């Protein structure tokens, strides 16, 4: 999509949870994503969309501090990312289709590891922690699978276990990298219903995806990245309008070619009727 970029007016950045100004991210000295100006506010459900290799995951890993910032600034909850240490406030669901088949652990045990960001690696789970773990499994619809080994769960269920693990850390922002990738249509709708419950709980979400699909109904904002730059930033309504305009302009262009008599001649096709002498009728 090559629509003009629309940047919503931001009357107040007091509720900004992530702010990027002139940011560039990459690996070593090579920038994959450049000139990023982006503000995400508390309560927003933002989709970061674009084709594979466009820089979507690089952007989110840059926010999380998982790759290098080559230029610009990143501010998290009003604090420069270099000075920000409360990483538990950022919940992360990585891009992975399933948990390893070699993992011998129950869903509850996997989700319990999400509490480590709060209690520390040497901490012990107390009653309150176990309640949070149970509640996280309930939110994703897997309360009845708490004692089930994750290796026996379906791909969609395993994805929900990973979301529950992130929720167990009680983050202020949930960042998900391709949560529906490799998941069939039915399970995509189940995941969308899970995220809808998080919307009702006022969880701020940033969802990296290459297609909107079942998630589109939940979104408050869509950011399109292509070629290492932000190409569009606006509401779902503005996105739909821009998308329709691009399609209309594309169709009109081809229609005009036919009307003005300048349609390029490609010679007879396989469905064209020809005369015996080889010419068109």
C-alpha atoms as a PDB file:
ATOM      1  CA  UNK A   1       0.000   0.000   0.000  1.00  0.00           C
ATOM      2  CA  UNK A   2       1.453   3.336  -1.063  1.00  0.00           C
ATOM      3  CA  UNK A   3      -1.148   5.709   0.366  1.00  0.00           C
ATOM      4  CA  UNK A   4      -0.114   9.070   1.748  1.00  0.00           C
ATOM      5  CA  UNK A   5       0.824   8.995   5.386  1.00  0.00           C
ATOM      6  CA  UNK A   6      -1.813  10.278   7.797  1.00  0.00           C
ATOM      7  CA  UNK A   7      -0.595  11.238  11.252  1.00  0.00           C
ATOM      8  CA  UNK A   8      -3.349  11.701  13.852  1.00  0.00           C
ATOM      9  CA  UNK A   9      -3.275  14.958  15.794  1.00  0.00           C
ATOM     10  CA  UNK A  10      -1.988  14.303  19.285  1.00  0.00           C
ATOM     11  CA  UNK A  11      -3.428  16.887  21.696  1.00  0.00           C
ATOM     12  CA  UNK A  12      -1.567  15.520  24.712  1.00  0.00           C
ATOM     13  CA  UNK A  13       1.341  13.126  25.073  1.00  0.00           C
ATOM     14  CA  UNK A  14       0.876  12.795  28.823  1.00  0.00           C
ATOM     15  CA  UNK A  15      -0.617   9.315  28.330  1.00  0.00           C
ATOM     16  CA  UNK A  16       2.030   8.218  25.793  1.00  0.00           C
ATOM     17  CA  UNK A  17       3.495   4.803  26.590  1.00  0.00           C
ATOM     18  CA  UNK A  18       5.892   4.663  23.629  1.00  0.00           C
ATOM     19  CA  UNK A  19       7.323   7.660  21.791  1.00  0.00           C
ATOM     20  CA  UNK A  20       9.809   7.490  18.918  1.00  0.00           C
ATOM     21  CA  UNK A  21      11.337  10.526  17.244  1.00  0.00           C
ATOM     22  CA  UNK A  22      13.603  10.207  14.203  1.00  0.00           C
ATOM     23  CA  UNK A  23      14.367   6.658  15.295  1.00  0.00           C
ATOM     24  CA  UNK A  24      16.342   4.187  13.210  1.00  0.00           C
ATOM     25  CA  UNK A  25      16.919   0.553  14.129  1.00  0.00           C
ATOM     26  CA  UNK A  26      19.080  -2.170  12.690  1.00  0.00           C
ATOM     27  CA  UNK A  27      21.934  -4.536  13.290  1.00  0.00           C
ATOM     28  CA  UNK A  28      25.458  -3.258  13.688  1.00  0.00           C
ATOM     29  CA  UNK A  29      25.794  -0.126  11.577  1.00  0.00           C
ATOM     30  CA  UNK A  30      23.111  -1.190   9.087  1.00  0.00           C
ATOM     31  CA  UNK A  31      19.752   0.516   9.567  1.00  0.00           C
ATOM     32  CA  UNK A  32      16.741  -1.601   8.563  1.00  0.00           C
ATOM     33  CA  UNK A  33      14.136   0.965   9.619  1.00  0.00           C
ATOM     34  CA  UNK A  34      14.711   4.736   9.453  1.00  0.00           C
ATOM     35  CA  UNK A  35      13.103   8.093  10.226  1.00  0.00           C
ATOM     36  CA  UNK A  36      10.413   6.715  12.561  1.00  0.00           C
ATOM     37  CA  UNK A  37       8.120   9.180  14.329  1.00  0.00           C
ATOM     38  CA  UNK A  38       5.509   7.286  16.295  1.00  0.00           C
ATOM     39  CA  UNK A  39       3.550   7.776  19.511  1.00  0.00           C
ATOM     40  CA  UNK A  40       1.409   5.061  21.092  1.00  0.00           C
ATOM     41  CA  UNK A  41      -1.022   6.127  23.797  1.00  0.00           C
ATOM     42  CA  UNK A  42      -2.445   4.222  26.719  1.00  0.00           C
ATOM     43  CA  UNK A  43      -5.533   2.229  25.729  1.00  0.00           C
ATOM     44  CA  UNK A  44      -4.764   2.102  22.006  1.00  0.00           C
ATOM     45  CA  UNK A  45      -4.917  -1.122  19.982  1.00  0.00           C
ATOM     46  CA  UNK A  46      -2.364  -0.537  17.225  1.00  0.00           C
ATOM     47  CA  UNK A  47      -1.573  -2.842  14.319  1.00  0.00           C
ATOM     48  CA  UNK A  48       1.854  -2.555  12.704  1.00  0.00           C
ATOM     49  CA  UNK A  49       1.333  -4.028   9.238  1.00  0.00           C
ATOM     50  CA  UNK A  50       3.391  -4.521   6.116  1.00  0.00           C
ATOM     51  CA  UNK A  51       4.933  -7.191   3.906  1.00  0.00           C
ATOM     52  CA  UNK A  52       7.545  -9.630   5.127  1.00  0.00           C
ATOM     53  CA  UNK A  53      10.928  -7.939   5.459  1.00  0.00           C
ATOM     54  CA  UNK A  54       9.453  -4.440   5.644  1.00  0.00           C
ATOM     55  CA  UNK A  55      10.840  -3.714   9.116  1.00  0.00           C
ATOM     56  CA  UNK A  56       7.826  -4.426  11.346  1.00  0.00           C
ATOM     57  CA  UNK A  57       9.554  -6.812  13.726  1.00  0.00           C
ATOM     58  CA  UNK A  58      12.693  -4.666  13.712  1.00  0.00           C
ATOM     59  CA  UNK A  59      10.612  -1.765  14.966  1.00  0.00           C
ATOM     60  CA  UNK A  60       9.132  -3.659  17.893  1.00  0.00           C
ATOM     61  CA  UNK A  61      12.434  -5.281  18.819  1.00  0.00           C
ATOM     62  CA  UNK A  62      13.934  -1.806  18.788  1.00  0.00           C
ATOM     63  CA  UNK A  63      11.292  -0.597  21.235  1.00  0.00           C
ATOM     64  CA  UNK A  64      12.006  -3.611  23.439  1.00  0.00           C
ATOM     65  CA  UNK A  65      15.757  -3.018  23.261  1.00  0.00           C
ATOM     66  CA  UNK A  66      16.383  -6.304  21.443  1.00  0.00           C
ATOM     67  CA  UNK A  67      18.273  -4.712  18.552  1.00  0.00           C
ATOM     68  CA  UNK A  68      20.364  -1.595  18.089  1.00  0.00           C
ATOM     69  CA  UNK A  69      19.037   1.928  17.855  1.00  0.00           C
ATOM     70  CA  UNK A  70      21.119   3.609  15.158  1.00  0.00           C
ATOM     71  CA  UNK A  71      19.608   7.087  15.490  1.00  0.00           C
ATOM     72  CA  UNK A  72      16.856   9.109  17.151  1.00  0.00           C
ATOM     73  CA  UNK A  73      15.159   8.719  20.524  1.00  0.00           C
ATOM     74  CA  UNK A  74      12.909   6.153  22.170  1.00  0.00           C
ATOM     75  CA  UNK A  75      10.893   7.132  25.236  1.00  0.00           C
ATOM     76  CA  UNK A  76       9.002   4.586  27.336  1.00  0.00           C
ATOM     77  CA  UNK A  77       6.407   5.861  29.794  1.00  0.00           C
ATOM     78  CA  UNK A  78       8.061   9.278  29.647  1.00  0.00           C
ATOM     79  CA  UNK A  79      11.569   7.934  30.354  1.00  0.00           C
ATOM     80  CA  UNK A  80      14.413   7.648  27.839  1.00  0.00           C
ATOM     81  CA  UNK A  81      14.797   3.977  26.960  1.00  0.00           C
ATOM     82  CA  UNK A  82      18.453   4.059  28.026  1.00  0.00           C
ATOM     83  CA  UNK A  83      17.311   5.003  31.527  1.00  0.00           C
ATOM     84  CA  UNK A  84      14.210   2.815  31.622  1.00  0.00           C
ATOM     85  CA  UNK A  85      14.612  -0.312  33.741  1.00  0.00           C
ATOM     86  CA  UNK A  86      11.059  -1.449  34.564  1.00  0.00           C
ATOM     87  CA  UNK A  87      10.873  -3.825  31.601  1.00  0.00           C
ATOM     88  CA  UNK A  88       8.056  -5.812  33.216  1.00  0.00           C
ATOM     89  CA  UNK A  89       5.725  -3.035  32.073  1.00  0.00           C
ATOM     90  CA  UNK A  90       6.278  -4.249  28.487  1.00  0.00           C
ATOM     91  CA  UNK A  91       4.780  -7.684  27.851  1.00  0.00           C
ATOM     92  CA  UNK A  92       6.145  -9.459  24.788  1.00  0.00           C
ATOM     93  CA  UNK A  93       4.695 -12.361  22.802  1.00  0.00           C
ATOM     94  CA  UNK A  94       7.459 -13.415  20.375  1.00  0.00           C
ATOM     95  CA  UNK A  95       6.974 -14.607  16.835  1.00  0.00           C
ATOM     96  CA  UNK A  96       6.970 -18.381  17.059  1.00  0.00           C
ATOM     97  CA  UNK A  97       4.421 -20.779  15.664  1.00  0.00           C
ATOM     98  CA  UNK A  98       4.518 -23.311  18.473  1.00  0.00           C
ATOM     99  CA  UNK A  99       6.391 -24.212  21.609  1.00  0.00           C
ATOM    100  CA  UNK A 100       9.067 -26.869  21.099  1.00  0.00           C
ATOM    101  CA  UNK A 101       7.761 -30.415  21.097  1.00  0.00           C
ATOM    102  CA  UNK A 102      10.604 -31.230  23.479  1.00  0.00           C
ATOM    103  CA  UNK A 103       9.206 -28.926  26.170  1.00  0.00           C
ATOM    104  CA  UNK A 104       7.948 -31.116  29.003  1.00  0.00           C
ATOM    105  CA  UNK A 105       5.914 -28.628  30.984  1.00  0.00           C
ATOM    106  CA  UNK A 106       2.273 -27.913  31.662  1.00  0.00           C
ATOM    107  CA  UNK A 107       0.482 -24.802  30.473  1.00  0.00           C
ATOM    108  CA  UNK A 108       0.427 -23.572  34.069  1.00  0.00           C
ATOM    109  CA  UNK A 109       4.193 -24.023  34.422  1.00  0.00           C
ATOM    110  CA  UNK A 110       4.867 -22.101  31.207  1.00  0.00           C
ATOM    111  CA  UNK A 111       2.578 -19.252  32.233  1.00  0.00           C
ATOM    112  CA  UNK A 112       4.169 -19.166  35.691  1.00  0.00           C
ATOM    113  CA  UNK A 113       7.482 -18.148  34.097  1.00  0.00           C
ATOM    114  CA  UNK A 114       5.771 -14.892  33.171  1.00  0.00           C
ATOM    115  CA  UNK A 115       5.885 -13.959  36.867  1.00  0.00           C
ATOM    116  CA  UNK A 116       9.710 -13.980  36.870  1.00  0.00           C
ATOM    117  CA  UNK A 117       9.799 -10.401  35.619  1.00  0.00           C
ATOM    118  CA  UNK A 118       8.039  -9.422  38.834  1.00  0.00           C
ATOM    119  CA  UNK A 119       9.491 -11.779  41.455  1.00  0.00           C
ATOM    120  CA  UNK A 120      12.995 -12.294  40.037  1.00  0.00           C
ATOM    121  CA  UNK A 121      14.725 -15.486  38.905  1.00  0.00           C
ATOM    122  CA  UNK A 122      15.295 -16.658  42.478  1.00  0.00           C
ATOM    123  CA  UNK A 123      11.843 -15.682  43.697  1.00  0.00           C
ATOM    124  CA  UNK A 124       9.187 -18.143  44.768  1.00  0.00           C
ATOM    125  CA  UNK A 125       5.580 -18.143  43.660  1.00  0.00           C
ATOM    126  CA  UNK A 126       3.181 -17.169  46.425  1.00  0.00           C
ATOM    127  CA  UNK A 127      -0.600 -17.498  46.542  1.00  0.00           C
ATOM    128  CA  UNK A 128      -1.081 -14.123  44.826  1.00  0.00           C
ATOM    129  CA  UNK A 129       1.245 -15.148  41.996  1.00  0.00           C
ATOM    130  CA  UNK A 130      -0.644 -18.401  41.477  1.00  0.00           C
ATOM    131  CA  UNK A 131      -3.916 -16.496  41.356  1.00  0.00           C
ATOM    132  CA  UNK A 132      -2.494 -14.219  38.656  1.00  0.00           C
ATOM    133  CA  UNK A 133      -1.313 -17.257  36.665  1.00  0.00           C
ATOM    134  CA  UNK A 134      -4.747 -18.877  36.963  1.00  0.00           C
ATOM    135  CA  UNK A 135      -6.463 -15.664  35.940  1.00  0.00           C
ATOM    136  CA  UNK A 136      -4.176 -15.295  32.909  1.00  0.00           C
ATOM    137  CA  UNK A 137      -5.074 -18.805  31.736  1.00  0.00           C
ATOM    138  CA  UNK A 138      -8.734 -18.022  32.269  1.00  0.00           C
ATOM    139  CA  UNK A 139      -8.530 -14.852  30.172  1.00  0.00           C
ATOM    140  CA  UNK A 140      -7.157 -16.801  27.196  1.00  0.00           C
ATOM    141  CA  UNK A 141      -9.733 -19.562  27.630  1.00  0.00           C
ATOM    142  CA  UNK A 142      -7.369 -22.281  28.845  1.00  0.00           C
ATOM    143  CA  UNK A 143      -8.286 -22.600  32.518  1.00  0.00           C
ATOM    144  CA  UNK A 144      -9.322 -26.206  31.897  1.00  0.00           C
ATOM    145  CA  UNK A 145      -5.939 -26.996  30.299  1.00  0.00           C
ATOM    146  CA  UNK A 146      -3.726 -25.711  33.132  1.00  0.00           C
ATOM    147  CA  UNK A 147      -2.353 -29.175  33.930  1.00  0.00           C
ATOM    148  CA  UNK A 148      -2.009 -30.227  30.267  1.00  0.00           C
ATOM    149  CA  UNK A 149       1.439 -30.613  28.748  1.00  0.00           C
ATOM    150  CA  UNK A 150       1.910 -27.867  26.180  1.00  0.00           C
ATOM    151  CA  UNK A 151       3.361 -30.312  23.630  1.00  0.00           C
ATOM    152  CA  UNK A 152      -0.092 -31.918  23.337  1.00  0.00           C
ATOM    153  CA  UNK A 153      -1.899 -28.637  22.681  1.00  0.00           C
ATOM    154  CA  UNK A 154      -2.787 -27.365  19.219  1.00  0.00           C
ATOM    155  CA  UNK A 155      -0.807 -24.541  17.619  1.00  0.00           C
ATOM    156  CA  UNK A 156      -3.562 -22.027  18.380  1.00  0.00           C
ATOM    157  CA  UNK A 157      -3.740 -23.144  22.004  1.00  0.00           C
ATOM    158  CA  UNK A 158       0.021 -22.891  22.374  1.00  0.00           C
ATOM    159  CA  UNK A 159      -0.154 -19.339  21.024  1.00  0.00           C
ATOM    160  CA  UNK A 160      -2.687 -18.542  23.720  1.00  0.00           C
ATOM    161  CA  UNK A 161      -0.369 -20.031  26.355  1.00  0.00           C
ATOM    162  CA  UNK A 162       2.317 -17.569  25.217  1.00  0.00           C
ATOM    163  CA  UNK A 163      -0.146 -14.686  25.490  1.00  0.00           C
ATOM    164  CA  UNK A 164      -1.115 -15.841  28.980  1.00  0.00           C
ATOM    165  CA  UNK A 165       2.564 -15.998  29.936  1.00  0.00           C
ATOM    166  CA  UNK A 166       2.989 -12.363  28.902  1.00  0.00           C
ATOM    167  CA  UNK A 167      -0.173 -11.374  30.788  1.00  0.00           C
ATOM    168  CA  UNK A 168       1.102 -13.047  33.952  1.00  0.00           C
ATOM    169  CA  UNK A 169       3.734 -10.318  34.183  1.00  0.00           C
ATOM    170  CA  UNK A 170       0.917  -7.758  34.477  1.00  0.00           C
ATOM    171  CA  UNK A 171       2.314  -5.493  31.753  1.00  0.00           C
ATOM    172  CA  UNK A 172       0.983  -2.038  30.926  1.00  0.00           C
ATOM    173  CA  UNK A 173       1.555  -2.697  27.221  1.00  0.00           C
ATOM    174  CA  UNK A 174       1.288  -6.025  25.409  1.00  0.00           C
ATOM    175  CA  UNK A 175       3.435  -6.313  22.269  1.00  0.00           C
ATOM    176  CA  UNK A 176       2.673  -9.277  20.001  1.00  0.00           C
ATOM    177  CA  UNK A 177       4.750 -10.295  17.005  1.00  0.00           C
ATOM    178  CA  UNK A 178       2.642 -12.078  14.358  1.00  0.00           C
ATOM    179  CA  UNK A 179       0.208 -13.714  16.824  1.00  0.00           C
ATOM    180  CA  UNK A 180      -1.919 -15.228  14.034  1.00  0.00           C
ATOM    181  CA  UNK A 181       0.902 -16.462  11.783  1.00  0.00           C
ATOM    182  CA  UNK A 182       0.520 -20.165  11.013  1.00  0.00           C
ATOM    183  CA  UNK A 183      -2.856 -20.300  12.759  1.00  0.00           C
ATOM    184  CA  UNK A 184      -5.925 -21.451  10.806  1.00  0.00           C
ATOM    185  CA  UNK A 185      -8.942 -19.194  10.295  1.00  0.00           C
ATOM    186  CA  UNK A 186     -10.991 -20.736  13.112  1.00  0.00           C
ATOM    187  CA  UNK A 187      -8.197 -20.277  15.649  1.00  0.00           C
ATOM    188  CA  UNK A 188      -7.558 -16.744  14.396  1.00  0.00           C
ATOM    189  CA  UNK A 189     -11.121 -15.887  15.403  1.00  0.00           C
ATOM    190  CA  UNK A 190     -10.557 -17.531  18.800  1.00  0.00           C
ATOM    191  CA  UNK A 191      -7.433 -15.406  19.256  1.00  0.00           C
ATOM    192  CA  UNK A 192      -9.383 -12.313  18.222  1.00  0.00           C
ATOM    193  CA  UNK A 193     -11.993 -13.113  20.885  1.00  0.00           C
ATOM    194  CA  UNK A 194      -9.193 -13.469  23.470  1.00  0.00           C
ATOM    195  CA  UNK A 195      -7.791 -10.073  22.486  1.00  0.00           C
ATOM    196  CA  UNK A 196     -11.299  -8.610  22.628  1.00  0.00           C
ATOM    197  CA  UNK A 197     -11.428  -9.601  26.306  1.00  0.00           C
ATOM    198  CA  UNK A 198      -8.138  -7.773  26.814  1.00  0.00           C
ATOM    199  CA  UNK A 199      -9.628  -4.695  25.147  1.00  0.00           C
ATOM    200  CA  UNK A 200     -12.430  -4.800  27.720  1.00  0.00           C
ATOM    201  CA  UNK A 201      -9.722  -4.774  30.416  1.00  0.00           C
ATOM    202  CA  UNK A 202      -8.155  -1.635  28.873  1.00  0.00           C
ATOM    203  CA  UNK A 203      -4.925  -3.414  27.931  1.00  0.00           C
ATOM    204  CA  UNK A 204      -2.821  -1.365  25.511  1.00  0.00           C
ATOM    205  CA  UNK A 205      -1.740  -3.577  22.616  1.00  0.00           C
ATOM    206  CA  UNK A 206       0.691  -3.318  19.727  1.00  0.00           C
ATOM    207  CA  UNK A 207       0.175  -6.131  17.218  1.00  0.00           C
ATOM    208  CA  UNK A 208       2.757  -6.775  14.499  1.00  0.00           C
ATOM    209  CA  UNK A 209       1.186  -8.615  11.577  1.00  0.00           C
ATOM    210  CA  UNK A 210       1.387  -8.962   7.812  1.00  0.00           C
ATOM    211  CA  UNK A 211      -2.408  -9.249   7.523  1.00  0.00           C
ATOM    212  CA  UNK A 212      -5.248  -7.814   9.579  1.00  0.00           C
ATOM    213  CA  UNK A 213      -7.852 -10.558   9.135  1.00  0.00           C
ATOM    214  CA  UNK A 214      -9.912 -11.298  12.227  1.00  0.00           C
ATOM    215  CA  UNK A 215      -8.032  -8.689  14.281  1.00  0.00           C
ATOM    216  CA  UNK A 216      -9.194  -5.685  12.265  1.00  0.00           C
ATOM    217  CA  UNK A 217     -12.433  -5.233  14.234  1.00  0.00           C
ATOM    218  CA  UNK A 218     -10.447  -4.615  17.442  1.00  0.00           C
ATOM    219  CA  UNK A 219      -8.105  -1.920  16.191  1.00  0.00           C
ATOM    220  CA  UNK A 220      -8.086   1.775  17.001  1.00  0.00           C
ATOM    221  CA  UNK A 221      -5.148   2.541  14.713  1.00  0.00           C
ATOM    222  CA  UNK A 222      -3.159   1.075  11.820  1.00  0.00           C
ATOM    223  CA  UNK A 223       0.475   1.826  10.979  1.00  0.00           C
ATOM    224  CA  UNK A 224       1.805   0.589   7.628  1.00  0.00           C
ATOM    225  CA  UNK A 225       5.532  -0.022   7.195  1.00  0.00           C
ATOM    226  CA  UNK A 226       7.099  -0.729   3.834  1.00  0.00           C
ATOM    227  CA  UNK A 227      10.662  -0.418   2.620  1.00  0.00           C
ATOM    228  CA  UNK A 228      11.946   0.431   6.082  1.00  0.00           C
ATOM    229  CA  UNK A 229       9.715   3.494   6.560  1.00  0.00           C
ATOM    230  CA  UNK A 230       6.268   4.342   7.885  1.00  0.00           C
ATOM    231  CA  UNK A 231       3.988   4.849   4.876  1.00  0.00           C
ATOM    232  CA  UNK A 232       0.661   5.304   6.655  1.00  0.00           C
ATOM    233  CA  UNK A 233      -0.521   6.080  10.189  1.00  0.00           C
ATOM    234  CA  UNK A 234      -4.201   6.546  10.894  1.00  0.00           C
ATOM    235  CA  UNK A 235      -7.507   5.123  12.075  1.00  0.00           C
ATOM    236  CA  UNK A 236      -9.054   1.977  10.554  1.00  0.00           C
ATOM    237  CA  UNK A 237     -11.589   4.219   8.815  1.00  0.00           C
ATOM    238  CA  UNK A 238      -8.832   6.353   7.268  1.00  0.00           C
ATOM    239  CA  UNK A 239      -6.990   3.185   6.297  1.00  0.00           C
ATOM    240  CA  UNK A 240     -10.067   1.747   4.566  1.00  0.00           C
ATOM    241  CA  UNK A 241     -10.640   5.040   2.725  1.00  0.00           C
ATOM    242  CA  UNK A 242      -7.005   5.216   1.595  1.00  0.00           C
ATOM    243  CA  UNK A 243      -7.063   1.575   0.517  1.00  0.00           C
ATOM    244  CA  UNK A 244     -10.272   2.083  -1.479  1.00  0.00           C
ATOM    245  CA  UNK A 245      -8.826   5.215  -3.090  1.00  0.00           C
ATOM    246  CA  UNK A 246      -5.711   3.347  -4.178  1.00  0.00           C
ATOM    247  CA  UNK A 247      -7.826   0.572  -5.688  1.00  0.00           C
ATOM    248  CA  UNK A 248     -10.127   3.113  -7.377  1.00  0.00           C
ATOM    249  CA  UNK A 249      -7.196   5.033  -8.852  1.00  0.00           C
ATOM    250  CA  UNK A 250      -5.705   1.769 -10.094  1.00  0.00           C
ATOM    251  CA  UNK A 251      -8.981   0.686 -11.750  1.00  0.00           C
ATOM    252  CA  UNK A 252      -9.615   4.153 -13.210  1.00  0.00           C
ATOM    253  CA  UNK A 253      -6.154   4.169 -14.745  1.00  0.00           C
ATOM    254  CA  UNK A 254      -6.856   0.974 -16.654  1.00  0.00           C
ATOM    255  CA  UNK A 255     -10.366   2.168 -17.606  1.00  0.00           C
ATOM    256  CA  UNK A 256      -8.982   5.437 -19.003  1.00  0.00           C
ATOM    257  CA  UNK A 257      -6.509   3.518 -21.123  1.00  0.00           C
ATOM    258  CA  UNK A 258      -9.415   1.750 -22.801  1.00  0.00           C
ATOM    259  CA  UNK A 259     -11.578   4.854 -23.240  1.00  0.00           C
ATOM    260  CA  UNK A 260      -8.988   7.155 -24.756  1.00  0.00           C
ATOM    261  CA  UNK A 261      -8.022   4.717 -27.457  1.00  0.00           C
ATOM    262  CA  UNK A 262      -4.483   4.179 -26.192  1.00  0.00           C
ATOM    263  CA  UNK A 263      -4.821   0.690 -24.821  1.00  0.00           C
ATOM    264  CA  UNK A 264      -1.554  -1.059 -25.644  1.00  0.00           C
ATOM    265  CA  UNK A 265      -1.830  -3.798 -28.245  1.00  0.00           C
ATOM    266  CA  UNK A 266      -0.529  -7.139 -27.018  1.00  0.00           C
ATOM    267  CA  UNK A 267      -1.571  -9.177 -30.059  1.00  0.00           C
ATOM    268  CA  UNK A 268      -4.300 -11.845 -30.083  1.00  0.00           C
ATOM    269  CA  UNK A 269      -4.703 -13.788 -26.891  1.00  0.00           C
ATOM    270  CA  UNK A 270      -5.803 -17.401 -26.485  1.00  0.00           C
ATOM    271  CA  UNK A 271      -9.478 -16.393 -26.229  1.00  0.00           C
ATOM    272  CA  UNK A 272      -9.468 -13.955 -29.159  1.00  0.00           C
ATOM    273  CA  UNK A 273     -11.387 -14.920 -32.330  1.00  0.00           C
ATOM    274  CA  UNK A 274      -9.216 -14.764 -35.445  1.00  0.00           C
ATOM    275  CA  UNK A 275      -9.868 -14.915 -39.136  1.00  0.00           C
ATOM    276  CA  UNK A 276      -8.366 -17.666 -41.211  1.00  0.00           C
ATOM    277  CA  UNK A 277      -5.739 -15.200 -42.482  1.00  0.00           C
ATOM    278  CA  UNK A 278      -4.566 -14.627 -38.931  1.00  0.00           C
ATOM    279  CA  UNK A 279      -6.154 -11.188 -38.458  1.00  0.00           C
ATOM    280  CA  UNK A 280      -8.677 -10.115 -35.836  1.00  0.00           C
ATOM    281  CA  UNK A 281     -12.322  -9.692 -36.891  1.00  0.00           C
END
